[in-house]
Amino acid sequence: MGLLNSLDLEVTPTSAGVSVLATVLVVLSARIFYLQYLHPLAKFPGPWYATSFSIVGAIISVRKKEPQFFMYLVNKYGGMFRSTPRTPLLPIILYFPARELTSTVRPAYATRCVAFKFRL
């Protein structure tokens, strides 16, 4: 108690705001560092913003851009990748031959992503 009184600290709105901002930046930096380098799924590639925050997937889903985003990730990372902090995806290319489709539909390729959910 005597140590705090001897420091003669004053709390002003500016110092409180700076303290809150510094705390938020430290917490966000620690989260990004953990999810990029220390997390068990860190070995799977993916965009840093999507593998660090789940809100990215929510925004993409609300904007209805999931197919475009997943195709972007497939083209950029190939193989298995992470699209959210806890979801690695394995793209699977499906081929539908013409004999199994109606005569009006040409052979089609479809890319599906199989999600593996991990609870850590």
N, C-alpha and C. Protein backbone atom coordinates (compact mmCIF):
# COMPACT_ATOMS: atom_id res chain seq x y z
N MET A 1 0.82 -1.18 0.00
CA MET A 1 0.00 0.00 0.00
C MET A 1 0.87 1.25 0.00
N GLY A 2 1.92 1.24 0.80
CA GLY A 2 2.81 2.39 0.86
C GLY A 2 3.54 2.61 -0.45
N LEU A 3 3.83 1.51 -1.18
CA LEU A 3 4.53 1.63 -2.46
C LEU A 3 3.65 2.35 -3.48
N LEU A 4 2.37 2.00 -3.53
CA LEU A 4 1.47 2.66 -4.47
C LEU A 4 1.29 4.14 -4.14
N ASN A 5 1.22 4.46 -2.88
CA ASN A 5 1.09 5.87 -2.50
C ASN A 5 2.35 6.65 -2.83
N SER A 6 3.49 6.03 -2.75
CA SER A 6 4.74 6.74 -3.03
C SER A 6 4.95 6.96 -4.52
N LEU A 7 4.29 6.19 -5.39
CA LEU A 7 4.44 6.39 -6.83
C LEU A 7 3.66 7.61 -7.31
N ASP A 8 2.65 8.02 -6.59
CA ASP A 8 1.87 9.21 -6.91
C ASP A 8 1.28 9.13 -8.33
N LEU A 9 0.56 8.04 -8.61
CA LEU A 9 -0.07 7.84 -9.91
C LEU A 9 -1.44 8.50 -9.93
N GLU A 10 -1.73 9.17 -11.02
CA GLU A 10 -3.05 9.77 -11.22
C GLU A 10 -3.73 9.10 -12.38
N VAL A 11 -4.98 8.78 -12.23
CA VAL A 11 -5.74 8.17 -13.30
C VAL A 11 -6.54 9.26 -14.00
N THR A 12 -6.20 9.47 -15.26
CA THR A 12 -6.93 10.44 -16.08
C THR A 12 -7.64 9.66 -17.19
N PRO A 13 -8.61 10.28 -17.83
CA PRO A 13 -9.28 9.58 -18.93
C PRO A 13 -8.30 9.16 -20.03
N THR A 14 -7.30 9.97 -20.30
CA THR A 14 -6.34 9.63 -21.33
C THR A 14 -5.51 8.41 -20.95
N SER A 15 -5.01 8.39 -19.71
CA SER A 15 -4.19 7.26 -19.29
C SER A 15 -5.02 5.98 -19.19
N ALA A 16 -6.28 6.10 -18.80
CA ALA A 16 -7.16 4.94 -18.74
C ALA A 16 -7.42 4.40 -20.14
N GLY A 17 -7.66 5.28 -21.10
CA GLY A 17 -7.89 4.87 -22.48
C GLY A 17 -6.67 4.20 -23.08
N VAL A 18 -5.49 4.76 -22.82
CA VAL A 18 -4.25 4.17 -23.32
C VAL A 18 -4.04 2.79 -22.70
N SER A 19 -4.34 2.65 -21.42
CA SER A 19 -4.20 1.36 -20.75
C SER A 19 -5.14 0.31 -21.34
N VAL A 20 -6.37 0.70 -21.59
CA VAL A 20 -7.33 -0.23 -22.19
C VAL A 20 -6.90 -0.62 -23.60
N LEU A 21 -6.47 0.34 -24.40
CA LEU A 21 -6.01 0.06 -25.76
C LEU A 21 -4.79 -0.86 -25.75
N ALA A 22 -3.85 -0.60 -24.87
CA ALA A 22 -2.66 -1.44 -24.78
C ALA A 22 -3.03 -2.87 -24.36
N THR A 23 -3.96 -3.01 -23.45
CA THR A 23 -4.40 -4.34 -23.02
C THR A 23 -5.06 -5.10 -24.16
N VAL A 24 -5.92 -4.43 -24.91
CA VAL A 24 -6.59 -5.07 -26.05
C VAL A 24 -5.56 -5.50 -27.09
N LEU A 25 -4.59 -4.67 -27.41
CA LEU A 25 -3.56 -5.03 -28.39
C LEU A 25 -2.72 -6.21 -27.92
N VAL A 26 -2.37 -6.24 -26.65
CA VAL A 26 -1.59 -7.36 -26.12
C VAL A 26 -2.39 -8.66 -26.19
N VAL A 27 -3.66 -8.62 -25.83
CA VAL A 27 -4.50 -9.81 -25.85
C VAL A 27 -4.69 -10.31 -27.29
N LEU A 28 -4.97 -9.41 -28.24
CA LEU A 28 -5.12 -9.82 -29.64
C LEU A 28 -3.83 -10.38 -30.20
N SER A 29 -2.71 -9.76 -29.88
CA SER A 29 -1.41 -10.25 -30.35
C SER A 29 -1.11 -11.63 -29.78
N ALA A 30 -1.43 -11.85 -28.51
CA ALA A 30 -1.20 -13.14 -27.89
C ALA A 30 -2.08 -14.22 -28.54
N ARG A 31 -3.33 -13.87 -28.85
CA ARG A 31 -4.23 -14.83 -29.50
C ARG A 31 -3.72 -15.19 -30.88
N ILE A 32 -3.32 -14.20 -31.66
CA ILE A 32 -2.80 -14.46 -33.00
C ILE A 32 -1.55 -15.33 -32.92
N PHE A 33 -0.63 -14.99 -32.02
CA PHE A 33 0.60 -15.77 -31.88
C PHE A 33 0.29 -17.21 -31.50
N TYR A 34 -0.61 -17.41 -30.55
CA TYR A 34 -0.95 -18.77 -30.12
C TYR A 34 -1.56 -19.57 -31.27
N LEU A 35 -2.54 -18.99 -31.96
CA LEU A 35 -3.24 -19.74 -33.00
C LEU A 35 -2.36 -19.96 -34.23
N GLN A 36 -1.37 -19.12 -34.48
CA GLN A 36 -0.50 -19.28 -35.64
C GLN A 36 0.68 -20.22 -35.38
N TYR A 37 1.18 -20.25 -34.15
CA TYR A 37 2.43 -20.97 -33.89
C TYR A 37 2.32 -22.08 -32.84
N LEU A 38 1.45 -21.97 -31.86
CA LEU A 38 1.41 -22.92 -30.75
C LEU A 38 0.21 -23.86 -30.77
N HIS A 39 -0.83 -23.53 -31.47
CA HIS A 39 -2.05 -24.34 -31.53
C HIS A 39 -1.75 -25.68 -32.18
N PRO A 40 -2.42 -26.77 -31.74
CA PRO A 40 -2.18 -28.09 -32.36
C PRO A 40 -2.46 -28.12 -33.87
N LEU A 41 -3.32 -27.27 -34.37
CA LEU A 41 -3.62 -27.25 -35.80
C LEU A 41 -2.79 -26.22 -36.57
N ALA A 42 -1.76 -25.68 -35.95
CA ALA A 42 -0.95 -24.65 -36.60
C ALA A 42 -0.18 -25.17 -37.81
N LYS A 43 -0.03 -26.49 -37.93
CA LYS A 43 0.71 -27.04 -39.07
C LYS A 43 -0.08 -26.97 -40.37
N PHE A 44 -1.38 -26.74 -40.29
CA PHE A 44 -2.19 -26.60 -41.49
C PHE A 44 -2.19 -25.14 -41.93
N PRO A 45 -1.93 -24.87 -43.21
CA PRO A 45 -1.88 -23.47 -43.67
C PRO A 45 -3.27 -22.86 -43.78
N GLY A 46 -3.28 -21.57 -43.90
CA GLY A 46 -4.52 -20.82 -44.08
C GLY A 46 -4.24 -19.35 -43.90
N PRO A 47 -5.14 -18.49 -44.34
CA PRO A 47 -4.91 -17.06 -44.15
C PRO A 47 -4.90 -16.71 -42.67
N TRP A 48 -3.98 -15.88 -42.25
CA TRP A 48 -3.80 -15.59 -40.82
C TRP A 48 -5.05 -15.00 -40.20
N TYR A 49 -5.77 -14.17 -40.94
CA TYR A 49 -6.96 -13.53 -40.37
C TYR A 49 -8.08 -14.54 -40.16
N ALA A 50 -8.19 -15.54 -41.03
CA ALA A 50 -9.24 -16.55 -40.88
C ALA A 50 -8.88 -17.59 -39.84
N THR A 51 -7.57 -17.91 -39.72
CA THR A 51 -7.16 -18.91 -38.73
C THR A 51 -7.01 -18.32 -37.34
N SER A 52 -7.13 -17.01 -37.22
CA SER A 52 -7.00 -16.37 -35.91
C SER A 52 -8.34 -15.97 -35.30
N PHE A 53 -9.34 -15.71 -36.13
CA PHE A 53 -10.61 -15.21 -35.62
C PHE A 53 -11.78 -15.93 -36.30
N SER A 54 -12.75 -16.37 -35.52
CA SER A 54 -13.92 -17.05 -36.07
C SER A 54 -14.90 -16.08 -36.73
N ILE A 55 -14.79 -14.82 -36.42
CA ILE A 55 -15.72 -13.82 -36.98
C ILE A 55 -15.59 -13.72 -38.50
N VAL A 56 -14.42 -14.06 -39.03
CA VAL A 56 -14.21 -14.01 -40.48
C VAL A 56 -15.17 -14.98 -41.18
N GLY A 57 -15.27 -16.21 -40.67
CA GLY A 57 -16.19 -17.17 -41.25
C GLY A 57 -17.64 -16.74 -41.14
N ALA A 58 -17.99 -16.09 -40.04
CA ALA A 58 -19.36 -15.59 -39.87
C ALA A 58 -19.67 -14.50 -40.89
N ILE A 59 -18.74 -13.59 -41.09
CA ILE A 59 -18.95 -12.51 -42.06
C ILE A 59 -19.09 -13.07 -43.47
N ILE A 60 -18.24 -14.02 -43.83
CA ILE A 60 -18.31 -14.63 -45.16
C ILE A 60 -19.63 -15.37 -45.34
N SER A 61 -20.09 -16.03 -44.29
CA SER A 61 -21.36 -16.74 -44.36
C SER A 61 -22.54 -15.79 -44.52
N VAL A 62 -22.54 -14.69 -43.76
CA VAL A 62 -23.63 -13.72 -43.85
C VAL A 62 -23.66 -13.08 -45.24
N ARG A 63 -22.49 -12.82 -45.81
CA ARG A 63 -22.42 -12.22 -47.15
C ARG A 63 -22.68 -13.23 -48.26
N LYS A 64 -22.85 -14.52 -47.90
CA LYS A 64 -23.12 -15.61 -48.85
C LYS A 64 -21.99 -15.75 -49.88
N LYS A 65 -20.76 -15.68 -49.40
CA LYS A 65 -19.59 -15.81 -50.27
C LYS A 65 -18.77 -17.06 -49.93
N GLU A 66 -19.37 -18.03 -49.24
CA GLU A 66 -18.63 -19.22 -48.83
C GLU A 66 -18.04 -20.00 -50.01
N PRO A 67 -18.80 -20.28 -51.07
CA PRO A 67 -18.20 -21.04 -52.17
C PRO A 67 -16.99 -20.35 -52.79
N GLN A 68 -17.09 -19.02 -52.98
CA GLN A 68 -15.97 -18.29 -53.55
C GLN A 68 -14.76 -18.29 -52.60
N PHE A 69 -15.01 -18.15 -51.31
CA PHE A 69 -13.92 -18.14 -50.34
C PHE A 69 -13.23 -19.50 -50.28
N PHE A 70 -14.03 -20.58 -50.27
CA PHE A 70 -13.44 -21.91 -50.22
C PHE A 70 -12.67 -22.22 -51.50
N MET A 71 -13.17 -21.79 -52.66
CA MET A 71 -12.43 -22.02 -53.90
C MET A 71 -11.15 -21.20 -53.91
N TYR A 72 -11.17 -20.00 -53.36
CA TYR A 72 -9.95 -19.21 -53.23
C TYR A 72 -8.93 -19.95 -52.37
N LEU A 73 -9.39 -20.52 -51.25
CA LEU A 73 -8.48 -21.26 -50.37
C LEU A 73 -7.96 -22.53 -51.03
N VAL A 74 -8.81 -23.23 -51.78
CA VAL A 74 -8.38 -24.44 -52.48
C VAL A 74 -7.32 -24.08 -53.52
N ASN A 75 -7.55 -23.01 -54.28
CA ASN A 75 -6.59 -22.60 -55.30
C ASN A 75 -5.28 -22.13 -54.69
N LYS A 76 -5.34 -21.46 -53.56
CA LYS A 76 -4.13 -20.91 -52.96
C LYS A 76 -3.34 -21.95 -52.16
N TYR A 77 -4.04 -22.77 -51.34
CA TYR A 77 -3.36 -23.68 -50.43
C TYR A 77 -3.41 -25.14 -50.87
N GLY A 78 -4.36 -25.51 -51.75
CA GLY A 78 -4.48 -26.90 -52.15
C GLY A 78 -4.69 -27.80 -50.94
N GLY A 79 -4.48 -29.09 -51.08
CA GLY A 79 -4.49 -30.03 -49.97
C GLY A 79 -5.40 -29.68 -48.81
N MET A 80 -4.92 -29.90 -47.62
CA MET A 80 -5.69 -29.60 -46.42
C MET A 80 -5.29 -28.23 -45.89
N PHE A 81 -6.26 -27.44 -45.47
CA PHE A 81 -5.99 -26.10 -44.97
C PHE A 81 -6.98 -25.76 -43.87
N ARG A 82 -6.72 -24.65 -43.16
CA ARG A 82 -7.62 -24.18 -42.11
C ARG A 82 -8.38 -22.96 -42.61
N SER A 83 -9.68 -22.97 -42.38
CA SER A 83 -10.48 -21.80 -42.74
C SER A 83 -10.98 -21.06 -41.50
N THR A 84 -10.92 -21.70 -40.34
CA THR A 84 -11.25 -21.08 -39.06
C THR A 84 -10.23 -21.60 -38.04
N PRO A 85 -10.19 -21.02 -36.85
CA PRO A 85 -9.18 -21.47 -35.89
C PRO A 85 -9.22 -22.96 -35.55
N ARG A 86 -10.39 -23.59 -35.55
CA ARG A 86 -10.48 -24.98 -35.13
C ARG A 86 -11.02 -25.92 -36.20
N THR A 87 -11.00 -25.51 -37.48
CA THR A 87 -11.57 -26.34 -38.53
C THR A 87 -10.61 -26.49 -39.71
N PRO A 88 -9.87 -27.59 -39.79
CA PRO A 88 -9.13 -27.85 -41.02
C PRO A 88 -10.07 -28.44 -42.06
N LEU A 89 -9.89 -28.09 -43.32
CA LEU A 89 -10.74 -28.58 -44.39
C LEU A 89 -9.93 -29.39 -45.38
N LEU A 90 -10.53 -30.45 -45.88
CA LEU A 90 -9.92 -31.28 -46.90
C LEU A 90 -10.78 -31.19 -48.15
N PRO A 91 -10.31 -30.50 -49.20
CA PRO A 91 -11.13 -30.41 -50.42
C PRO A 91 -11.16 -31.73 -51.16
N ILE A 92 -12.33 -32.13 -51.60
CA ILE A 92 -12.51 -33.37 -52.35
C ILE A 92 -13.15 -33.00 -53.68
N ILE A 93 -12.54 -33.42 -54.77
CA ILE A 93 -13.09 -33.12 -56.09
C ILE A 93 -13.94 -34.32 -56.51
N LEU A 94 -15.18 -34.03 -56.81
CA LEU A 94 -16.12 -35.06 -57.23
C LEU A 94 -16.36 -34.93 -58.73
N TYR A 95 -16.43 -36.05 -59.41
CA TYR A 95 -16.70 -36.05 -60.84
C TYR A 95 -18.00 -36.79 -61.09
N PHE A 96 -18.89 -36.14 -61.81
CA PHE A 96 -20.16 -36.75 -62.15
C PHE A 96 -20.14 -37.08 -63.64
N PRO A 97 -19.98 -38.37 -64.01
CA PRO A 97 -19.93 -38.72 -65.42
C PRO A 97 -21.27 -38.48 -66.12
N ALA A 98 -21.21 -38.31 -67.42
CA ALA A 98 -22.40 -37.97 -68.21
C ALA A 98 -23.45 -39.08 -68.15
N ARG A 99 -23.04 -40.34 -68.05
CA ARG A 99 -24.03 -41.42 -68.07
C ARG A 99 -24.90 -41.45 -66.82
N GLU A 100 -24.44 -40.80 -65.76
CA GLU A 100 -25.22 -40.77 -64.53
C GLU A 100 -26.09 -39.52 -64.41
N LEU A 101 -25.96 -38.64 -65.38
CA LEU A 101 -26.74 -37.40 -65.35
C LEU A 101 -27.75 -37.40 -66.47
N THR A 102 -28.66 -36.48 -66.43
CA THR A 102 -29.63 -36.36 -67.52
C THR A 102 -28.93 -35.86 -68.76
N SER A 103 -29.57 -36.00 -69.90
CA SER A 103 -28.94 -35.62 -71.16
C SER A 103 -28.74 -34.11 -71.29
N THR A 104 -29.45 -33.32 -70.51
CA THR A 104 -29.31 -31.87 -70.62
C THR A 104 -28.15 -31.32 -69.80
N VAL A 105 -27.58 -32.15 -68.95
CA VAL A 105 -26.49 -31.69 -68.08
C VAL A 105 -25.18 -32.31 -68.56
N ARG A 106 -24.16 -31.48 -68.73
CA ARG A 106 -22.84 -31.96 -69.13
C ARG A 106 -22.12 -32.55 -67.92
N PRO A 107 -21.04 -33.30 -68.17
CA PRO A 107 -20.26 -33.77 -67.02
C PRO A 107 -19.80 -32.58 -66.18
N ALA A 108 -19.89 -32.73 -64.91
CA ALA A 108 -19.62 -31.60 -64.02
C ALA A 108 -18.58 -31.98 -62.98
N TYR A 109 -17.82 -31.00 -62.60
CA TYR A 109 -16.89 -31.16 -61.49
C TYR A 109 -17.40 -30.32 -60.34
N ALA A 110 -17.28 -30.84 -59.18
CA ALA A 110 -17.72 -30.09 -58.00
C ALA A 110 -16.65 -30.26 -56.93
N THR A 111 -16.34 -29.19 -56.27
CA THR A 111 -15.39 -29.27 -55.16
C THR A 111 -16.17 -29.14 -53.87
N ARG A 112 -16.00 -30.09 -53.02
CA ARG A 112 -16.63 -30.07 -51.71
C ARG A 112 -15.52 -30.05 -50.68
N CYS A 113 -15.76 -29.40 -49.60
CA CYS A 113 -14.78 -29.36 -48.51
C CYS A 113 -15.34 -30.15 -47.34
N VAL A 114 -14.57 -31.10 -46.90
CA VAL A 114 -14.95 -31.90 -45.74
C VAL A 114 -14.33 -31.26 -44.52
N ALA A 115 -15.16 -30.91 -43.56
CA ALA A 115 -14.66 -30.22 -42.36
C ALA A 115 -14.42 -31.23 -41.25
N PHE A 116 -13.33 -31.02 -40.55
CA PHE A 116 -13.01 -31.83 -39.38
C PHE A 116 -13.05 -30.89 -38.19
N LYS A 117 -14.03 -31.06 -37.34
CA LYS A 117 -14.15 -30.19 -36.16
C LYS A 117 -13.34 -30.79 -35.02
N PHE A 118 -12.55 -29.95 -34.39
CA PHE A 118 -11.74 -30.37 -33.25
C PHE A 118 -12.16 -29.55 -32.04
N ARG A 119 -12.39 -30.23 -30.96
CA ARG A 119 -12.68 -29.56 -29.70
C ARG A 119 -11.43 -29.65 -28.84
N LEU A 120 -10.82 -28.52 -28.58
CA LEU A 120 -9.60 -28.51 -27.77
C LEU A 120 -9.82 -27.79 -26.48
